[in-house]
Amino acid sequence: MNYFAHGTAVIDDNCQIGDGTKIWHFTHVMSGCTIGNTCNLGQNVVISPDVVLGNNVKIQNNVSVYTGVICEDDVFLGPSMVFTNVINPRSHVNRRGQYAKTLVKKGASIGANATIVCGVEIGEYALIGAGAVVTKNIKPYALVVGNPARQTGWVSIYGHKLKFDANQEAECPESHQRYRLDKETDTVMLIDK
């Protein structure tokens, strides 16, 4: 075993858990899931069957990652954020096997108490504000807040709000990487690595 699991954690059979991953108090990792290297699963986290987590995924306390969710590398899930996996749940109707796929792309961050309605894709390095309710796809580098979540700007890979000049270019104040906004497609791209 090349990962750490606290004594109160429950790890079911047939899980793949990467090297250097840490699994903390009262966390349940269910059968059939795949967890990458150097992930951190906080207290009271549930990873449901068939969930896929990439490398370096950080999950804060009290998060349930349900079947149908895929998180790519470097994703951050804030405290008590929520995923759903069925659009129209009913206690008296069995909808197992009808779970919608939710994809959280590389480097995206989801703030505390945010809700992600199933079936959406969250783009690379997007930043979902605390308490936001995401009901549709989110573009790469987008900053979204509110209920329902609305885009209010763009962020850098380092999570800083980008301020575009007359040439539609912006610089991250921390990394000094440069970005370009394409007004026609309403997308941002990194131009200087």
C-alpha atoms as a PDB file:
ATOM      1  CA  MET A   1       0.000   0.000   0.000  1.00  0.00           C
ATOM      2  CA  ASN A   2       1.652   3.210  -1.202  1.00  0.00           C
ATOM      3  CA  TYR A   3      -1.078   5.544   0.071  1.00  0.00           C
ATOM      4  CA  PHE A   4      -2.177   6.656   3.550  1.00  0.00           C
ATOM      5  CA  ALA A   5      -5.625   5.845   4.963  1.00  0.00           C
ATOM      6  CA  HIS A   6      -6.645   6.985   8.442  1.00  0.00           C
ATOM      7  CA  GLY A   7      -7.794   4.156  10.736  1.00  0.00           C
ATOM      8  CA  THR A   8     -11.421   5.336  10.551  1.00  0.00           C
ATOM      9  CA  ALA A   9     -11.519   5.345   6.740  1.00  0.00           C
ATOM     10  CA  VAL A  10     -13.348   2.538   4.936  1.00  0.00           C
ATOM     11  CA  ILE A  11     -11.724   1.300   1.729  1.00  0.00           C
ATOM     12  CA  ASP A  12     -13.807  -1.255  -0.174  1.00  0.00           C
ATOM     13  CA  ASP A  13     -12.314  -3.997  -2.342  1.00  0.00           C
ATOM     14  CA  ASN A  14     -11.478  -3.443  -6.018  1.00  0.00           C
ATOM     15  CA  CYS A  15     -10.415   0.198  -5.726  1.00  0.00           C
ATOM     16  CA  GLN A  16      -7.407   1.637  -7.500  1.00  0.00           C
ATOM     17  CA  ILE A  17      -5.642   4.202  -5.310  1.00  0.00           C
ATOM     18  CA  GLY A  18      -2.497   5.966  -6.508  1.00  0.00           C
ATOM     19  CA  ASP A  19       0.818   6.485  -4.779  1.00  0.00           C
ATOM     20  CA  GLY A  20       1.029   9.250  -2.204  1.00  0.00           C
ATOM     21  CA  THR A  21      -2.727   9.705  -1.852  1.00  0.00           C
ATOM     22  CA  LYS A  22      -4.052  10.559   1.630  1.00  0.00           C
ATOM     23  CA  ILE A  23      -7.497   9.473   2.843  1.00  0.00           C
ATOM     24  CA  TRP A  24      -8.634  11.057   6.100  1.00  0.00           C
ATOM     25  CA  HIS A  25     -11.106  10.477   8.954  1.00  0.00           C
ATOM     26  CA  PHE A  26     -14.452   8.761   8.288  1.00  0.00           C
ATOM     27  CA  THR A  27     -14.007   8.731   4.519  1.00  0.00           C
ATOM     28  CA  HIS A  28     -15.533   5.903   2.460  1.00  0.00           C
ATOM     29  CA  VAL A  29     -13.933   4.824  -0.820  1.00  0.00           C
ATOM     30  CA  MET A  30     -16.313   2.470  -2.615  1.00  0.00           C
ATOM     31  CA  SER A  31     -15.618  -0.461  -4.898  1.00  0.00           C
ATOM     32  CA  GLY A  32     -14.712   0.152  -8.521  1.00  0.00           C
ATOM     33  CA  CYS A  33     -13.442   3.712  -8.195  1.00  0.00           C
ATOM     34  CA  THR A  34     -10.103   4.946  -9.497  1.00  0.00           C
ATOM     35  CA  ILE A  35      -8.102   7.532  -7.553  1.00  0.00           C
ATOM     36  CA  GLY A  36      -4.864   8.961  -8.945  1.00  0.00           C
ATOM     37  CA  ASN A  37      -1.525   9.778  -7.337  1.00  0.00           C
ATOM     38  CA  THR A  38      -1.048  12.418  -4.603  1.00  0.00           C
ATOM     39  CA  CYS A  39      -4.754  13.061  -4.067  1.00  0.00           C
ATOM     40  CA  ASN A  40      -6.058  14.303  -0.725  1.00  0.00           C
ATOM     41  CA  LEU A  41      -9.508  13.195   0.470  1.00  0.00           C
ATOM     42  CA  GLY A  42     -10.581  15.156   3.531  1.00  0.00           C
ATOM     43  CA  GLN A  43     -12.756  14.111   6.455  1.00  0.00           C
ATOM     44  CA  ASN A  44     -16.184  12.578   5.781  1.00  0.00           C
ATOM     45  CA  VAL A  45     -15.744  12.211   2.017  1.00  0.00           C
ATOM     46  CA  VAL A  46     -17.562   9.549  -0.027  1.00  0.00           C
ATOM     47  CA  ILE A  47     -16.193   8.303  -3.341  1.00  0.00           C
ATOM     48  CA  SER A  48     -18.921   6.244  -5.029  1.00  0.00           C
ATOM     49  CA  PRO A  49     -18.445   3.254  -7.344  1.00  0.00           C
ATOM     50  CA  ASP A  50     -16.876   3.925 -10.755  1.00  0.00           C
ATOM     51  CA  VAL A  51     -15.851   7.512  -9.919  1.00  0.00           C
ATOM     52  CA  VAL A  52     -12.572   8.528 -11.546  1.00  0.00           C
ATOM     53  CA  LEU A  53     -10.217  11.035  -9.916  1.00  0.00           C
ATOM     54  CA  GLY A  54      -7.049  12.111 -11.714  1.00  0.00           C
ATOM     55  CA  ASN A  55      -3.748  12.964 -10.066  1.00  0.00           C
ATOM     56  CA  ASN A  56      -3.426  15.658  -7.395  1.00  0.00           C
ATOM     57  CA  VAL A  57      -7.184  16.041  -6.826  1.00  0.00           C
ATOM     58  CA  LYS A  58      -7.910  17.821  -3.534  1.00  0.00           C
ATOM     59  CA  ILE A  59     -11.281  17.133  -1.898  1.00  0.00           C
ATOM     60  CA  GLN A  60     -12.174  19.077   1.223  1.00  0.00           C
ATOM     61  CA  ASN A  61     -14.369  17.832   4.096  1.00  0.00           C
ATOM     62  CA  ASN A  62     -17.968  16.630   3.665  1.00  0.00           C
ATOM     63  CA  VAL A  63     -18.019  16.031  -0.095  1.00  0.00           C
ATOM     64  CA  SER A  64     -19.763  13.104  -1.804  1.00  0.00           C
ATOM     65  CA  VAL A  65     -18.499  12.327  -5.294  1.00  0.00           C
ATOM     66  CA  TYR A  66     -21.247  10.257  -6.900  1.00  0.00           C
ATOM     67  CA  THR A  67     -21.160   7.676  -9.670  1.00  0.00           C
ATOM     68  CA  GLY A  68     -20.980   9.476 -13.005  1.00  0.00           C
ATOM     69  CA  VAL A  69     -18.429  12.073 -11.890  1.00  0.00           C
ATOM     70  CA  ILE A  70     -14.978  12.269 -13.442  1.00  0.00           C
ATOM     71  CA  CYS A  71     -12.421  14.754 -12.117  1.00  0.00           C
ATOM     72  CA  GLU A  72      -9.282  15.253 -14.172  1.00  0.00           C
ATOM     73  CA  ASP A  73      -5.853  16.165 -12.738  1.00  0.00           C
ATOM     74  CA  ASP A  74      -5.426  19.075 -10.294  1.00  0.00           C
ATOM     75  CA  VAL A  75      -9.140  19.545  -9.547  1.00  0.00           C
ATOM     76  CA  PHE A  76     -10.102  21.213  -6.243  1.00  0.00           C
ATOM     77  CA  LEU A  77     -13.458  20.436  -4.579  1.00  0.00           C
ATOM     78  CA  GLY A  78     -14.257  22.862  -1.748  1.00  0.00           C
ATOM     79  CA  PRO A  79     -15.827  22.007   1.618  1.00  0.00           C
ATOM     80  CA  SER A  80     -19.378  20.659   1.495  1.00  0.00           C
ATOM     81  CA  MET A  81     -19.808  21.206  -2.255  1.00  0.00           C
ATOM     82  CA  VAL A  82     -22.411  18.925  -3.832  1.00  0.00           C
ATOM     83  CA  PHE A  83     -22.644  16.817  -6.977  1.00  0.00           C
ATOM     84  CA  THR A  84     -25.897  15.286  -8.188  1.00  0.00           C
ATOM     85  CA  ASN A  85     -26.146  12.324 -10.547  1.00  0.00           C
ATOM     86  CA  VAL A  86     -29.843  12.042 -11.470  1.00  0.00           C
ATOM     87  CA  ILE A  87     -31.846  14.886 -13.049  1.00  0.00           C
ATOM     88  CA  ASN A  88     -35.241  13.816 -11.693  1.00  0.00           C
ATOM     89  CA  PRO A  89     -34.751  11.719  -8.538  1.00  0.00           C
ATOM     90  CA  ARG A  90     -37.734   9.992  -6.946  1.00  0.00           C
ATOM     91  CA  SER A  91     -37.604   7.745  -3.917  1.00  0.00           C
ATOM     92  CA  HIS A  92     -40.137   5.328  -5.432  1.00  0.00           C
ATOM     93  CA  VAL A  93     -38.436   5.124  -8.887  1.00  0.00           C
ATOM     94  CA  ASN A  94     -35.196   3.169  -9.260  1.00  0.00           C
ATOM     95  CA  ARG A  95     -32.913   5.131 -11.597  1.00  0.00           C
ATOM     96  CA  ARG A  96     -29.696   3.186 -11.023  1.00  0.00           C
ATOM     97  CA  GLY A  97     -27.884   2.896 -14.294  1.00  0.00           C
ATOM     98  CA  GLN A  98     -29.304   6.239 -15.459  1.00  0.00           C
ATOM     99  CA  TYR A  99     -26.623   8.362 -13.825  1.00  0.00           C
ATOM    100  CA  ALA A 100     -25.639  11.392 -15.871  1.00  0.00           C
ATOM    101  CA  LYS A 101     -21.956  12.015 -16.558  1.00  0.00           C
ATOM    102  CA  THR A 102     -20.360  15.103 -15.019  1.00  0.00           C
ATOM    103  CA  LEU A 103     -16.855  16.023 -16.155  1.00  0.00           C
ATOM    104  CA  VAL A 104     -14.631  18.399 -14.198  1.00  0.00           C
ATOM    105  CA  LYS A 105     -11.670  19.239 -16.420  1.00  0.00           C
ATOM    106  CA  LYS A 106      -8.038  19.732 -15.453  1.00  0.00           C
ATOM    107  CA  GLY A 107      -7.281  22.425 -12.899  1.00  0.00           C
ATOM    108  CA  ALA A 108     -10.881  23.489 -12.244  1.00  0.00           C
ATOM    109  CA  SER A 109     -11.859  24.615  -8.725  1.00  0.00           C
ATOM    110  CA  ILE A 110     -15.307  24.374  -7.157  1.00  0.00           C
ATOM    111  CA  GLY A 111     -15.946  26.567  -4.112  1.00  0.00           C
ATOM    112  CA  ALA A 112     -17.444  25.670  -0.749  1.00  0.00           C
ATOM    113  CA  ASN A 113     -21.148  24.776  -0.737  1.00  0.00           C
ATOM    114  CA  ALA A 114     -21.464  24.985  -4.527  1.00  0.00           C
ATOM    115  CA  THR A 115     -23.903  22.601  -6.228  1.00  0.00           C
ATOM    116  CA  ILE A 116     -23.134  20.966  -9.560  1.00  0.00           C
ATOM    117  CA  VAL A 117     -26.256  19.648 -11.289  1.00  0.00           C
ATOM    118  CA  CYS A 118     -25.357  16.461 -13.163  1.00  0.00           C
ATOM    119  CA  GLY A 119     -24.688  16.225 -16.860  1.00  0.00           C
ATOM    120  CA  VAL A 120     -22.462  19.288 -17.181  1.00  0.00           C
ATOM    121  CA  GLU A 121     -18.847  19.826 -18.149  1.00  0.00           C
ATOM    122  CA  ILE A 122     -16.708  22.274 -16.214  1.00  0.00           C
ATOM    123  CA  GLY A 123     -13.868  23.547 -18.386  1.00  0.00           C
ATOM    124  CA  GLU A 124     -10.154  23.584 -17.660  1.00  0.00           C
ATOM    125  CA  TYR A 125      -9.116  25.985 -14.888  1.00  0.00           C
ATOM    126  CA  ALA A 126     -12.660  27.300 -14.427  1.00  0.00           C
ATOM    127  CA  LEU A 127     -13.413  28.755 -10.995  1.00  0.00           C
ATOM    128  CA  ILE A 128     -16.849  28.110  -9.475  1.00  0.00           C
ATOM    129  CA  GLY A 129     -17.570  30.551  -6.648  1.00  0.00           C
ATOM    130  CA  ALA A 130     -18.699  29.481  -3.184  1.00  0.00           C
ATOM    131  CA  GLY A 131     -22.410  28.681  -3.073  1.00  0.00           C
ATOM    132  CA  ALA A 132     -22.877  28.778  -6.855  1.00  0.00           C
ATOM    133  CA  VAL A 133     -25.437  26.465  -8.466  1.00  0.00           C
ATOM    134  CA  VAL A 134     -24.128  25.198 -11.807  1.00  0.00           C
ATOM    135  CA  THR A 135     -26.851  24.051 -14.206  1.00  0.00           C
ATOM    136  CA  LYS A 136     -25.021  24.228 -17.554  1.00  0.00           C
ATOM    137  CA  ASN A 137     -21.571  23.756 -19.076  1.00  0.00           C
ATOM    138  CA  ILE A 138     -18.834  26.134 -17.922  1.00  0.00           C
ATOM    139  CA  LYS A 139     -16.134  27.364 -20.312  1.00  0.00           C
ATOM    140  CA  PRO A 140     -12.407  26.929 -19.662  1.00  0.00           C
ATOM    141  CA  TYR A 141     -10.963  29.758 -17.490  1.00  0.00           C
ATOM    142  CA  ALA A 142     -14.485  31.044 -16.689  1.00  0.00           C
ATOM    143  CA  LEU A 143     -15.319  32.611 -13.327  1.00  0.00           C
ATOM    144  CA  VAL A 144     -18.917  31.864 -12.319  1.00  0.00           C
ATOM    145  CA  VAL A 145     -20.938  32.823  -9.236  1.00  0.00           C
ATOM    146  CA  GLY A 146     -24.535  32.880  -8.049  1.00  0.00           C
ATOM    147  CA  ASN A 147     -27.748  30.869  -8.303  1.00  0.00           C
ATOM    148  CA  PRO A 148     -28.050  29.963 -11.068  1.00  0.00           C
ATOM    149  CA  ALA A 149     -24.338  30.365 -11.755  1.00  0.00           C
ATOM    150  CA  ARG A 150     -23.483  33.157 -14.188  1.00  0.00           C
ATOM    151  CA  GLN A 151     -20.138  34.005 -15.683  1.00  0.00           C
ATOM    152  CA  THR A 152     -18.670  37.247 -14.318  1.00  0.00           C
ATOM    153  CA  GLY A 153     -15.203  37.092 -15.838  1.00  0.00           C
ATOM    154  CA  TRP A 154     -12.168  34.992 -16.623  1.00  0.00           C
ATOM    155  CA  VAL A 155      -9.382  33.630 -14.423  1.00  0.00           C
ATOM    156  CA  SER A 156      -5.809  32.535 -14.932  1.00  0.00           C
ATOM    157  CA  ILE A 157      -4.406  29.088 -14.229  1.00  0.00           C
ATOM    158  CA  TYR A 158      -3.366  30.545 -10.839  1.00  0.00           C
ATOM    159  CA  GLY A 159      -6.942  31.645 -10.118  1.00  0.00           C
ATOM    160  CA  HIS A 160      -6.549  35.422 -10.539  1.00  0.00           C
ATOM    161  CA  LYS A 161      -9.209  37.472 -12.314  1.00  0.00           C
ATOM    162  CA  LEU A 162      -7.958  38.523 -15.743  1.00  0.00           C
ATOM    163  CA  LYS A 163      -8.232  42.143 -16.929  1.00  0.00           C
ATOM    164  CA  PHE A 164      -8.035  42.337 -20.708  1.00  0.00           C
ATOM    165  CA  ASP A 165      -6.523  45.363 -22.478  1.00  0.00           C
ATOM    166  CA  ALA A 166      -7.544  46.922 -25.817  1.00  0.00           C
ATOM    167  CA  ASN A 167      -5.717  44.104 -27.637  1.00  0.00           C
ATOM    168  CA  GLN A 168      -7.804  41.557 -25.692  1.00  0.00           C
ATOM    169  CA  GLU A 169      -4.719  40.348 -23.800  1.00  0.00           C
ATOM    170  CA  ALA A 170      -4.208  39.966 -20.066  1.00  0.00           C
ATOM    171  CA  GLU A 171      -1.406  38.946 -17.736  1.00  0.00           C
ATOM    172  CA  CYS A 172      -1.693  36.872 -14.571  1.00  0.00           C
ATOM    173  CA  PRO A 173      -0.245  38.971 -11.728  1.00  0.00           C
ATOM    174  CA  GLU A 174       1.270  35.905 -10.061  1.00  0.00           C
ATOM    175  CA  SER A 175       2.652  33.751 -12.884  1.00  0.00           C
ATOM    176  CA  HIS A 176       2.998  36.527 -15.514  1.00  0.00           C
ATOM    177  CA  GLN A 177       1.537  34.139 -18.072  1.00  0.00           C
ATOM    178  CA  ARG A 178      -0.369  35.925 -20.831  1.00  0.00           C
ATOM    179  CA  TYR A 179      -3.854  35.170 -22.112  1.00  0.00           C
ATOM    180  CA  ARG A 180      -5.918  36.248 -25.120  1.00  0.00           C
ATOM    181  CA  LEU A 181      -9.680  36.670 -25.277  1.00  0.00           C
ATOM    182  CA  ASP A 182     -11.289  35.746 -28.599  1.00  0.00           C
ATOM    183  CA  LYS A 183     -14.393  37.926 -28.706  1.00  0.00           C
ATOM    184  CA  GLU A 184     -15.911  36.042 -31.648  1.00  0.00           C
ATOM    185  CA  THR A 185     -15.910  32.674 -29.874  1.00  0.00           C
ATOM    186  CA  ASP A 186     -16.013  34.123 -26.335  1.00  0.00           C
ATOM    187  CA  THR A 187     -13.100  31.920 -25.257  1.00  0.00           C
ATOM    188  CA  VAL A 188      -9.781  32.499 -23.532  1.00  0.00           C
ATOM    189  CA  MET A 189      -6.496  30.860 -24.409  1.00  0.00           C
ATOM    190  CA  LEU A 190      -3.083  30.844 -22.798  1.00  0.00           C
ATOM    191  CA  ILE A 191      -0.600  32.432 -25.224  1.00  0.00           C
ATOM    192  CA  ASP A 192       2.555  32.583 -23.099  1.00  0.00           C
ATOM    193  CA  LYS A 193       3.505  29.555 -21.022  1.00  0.00           C
END
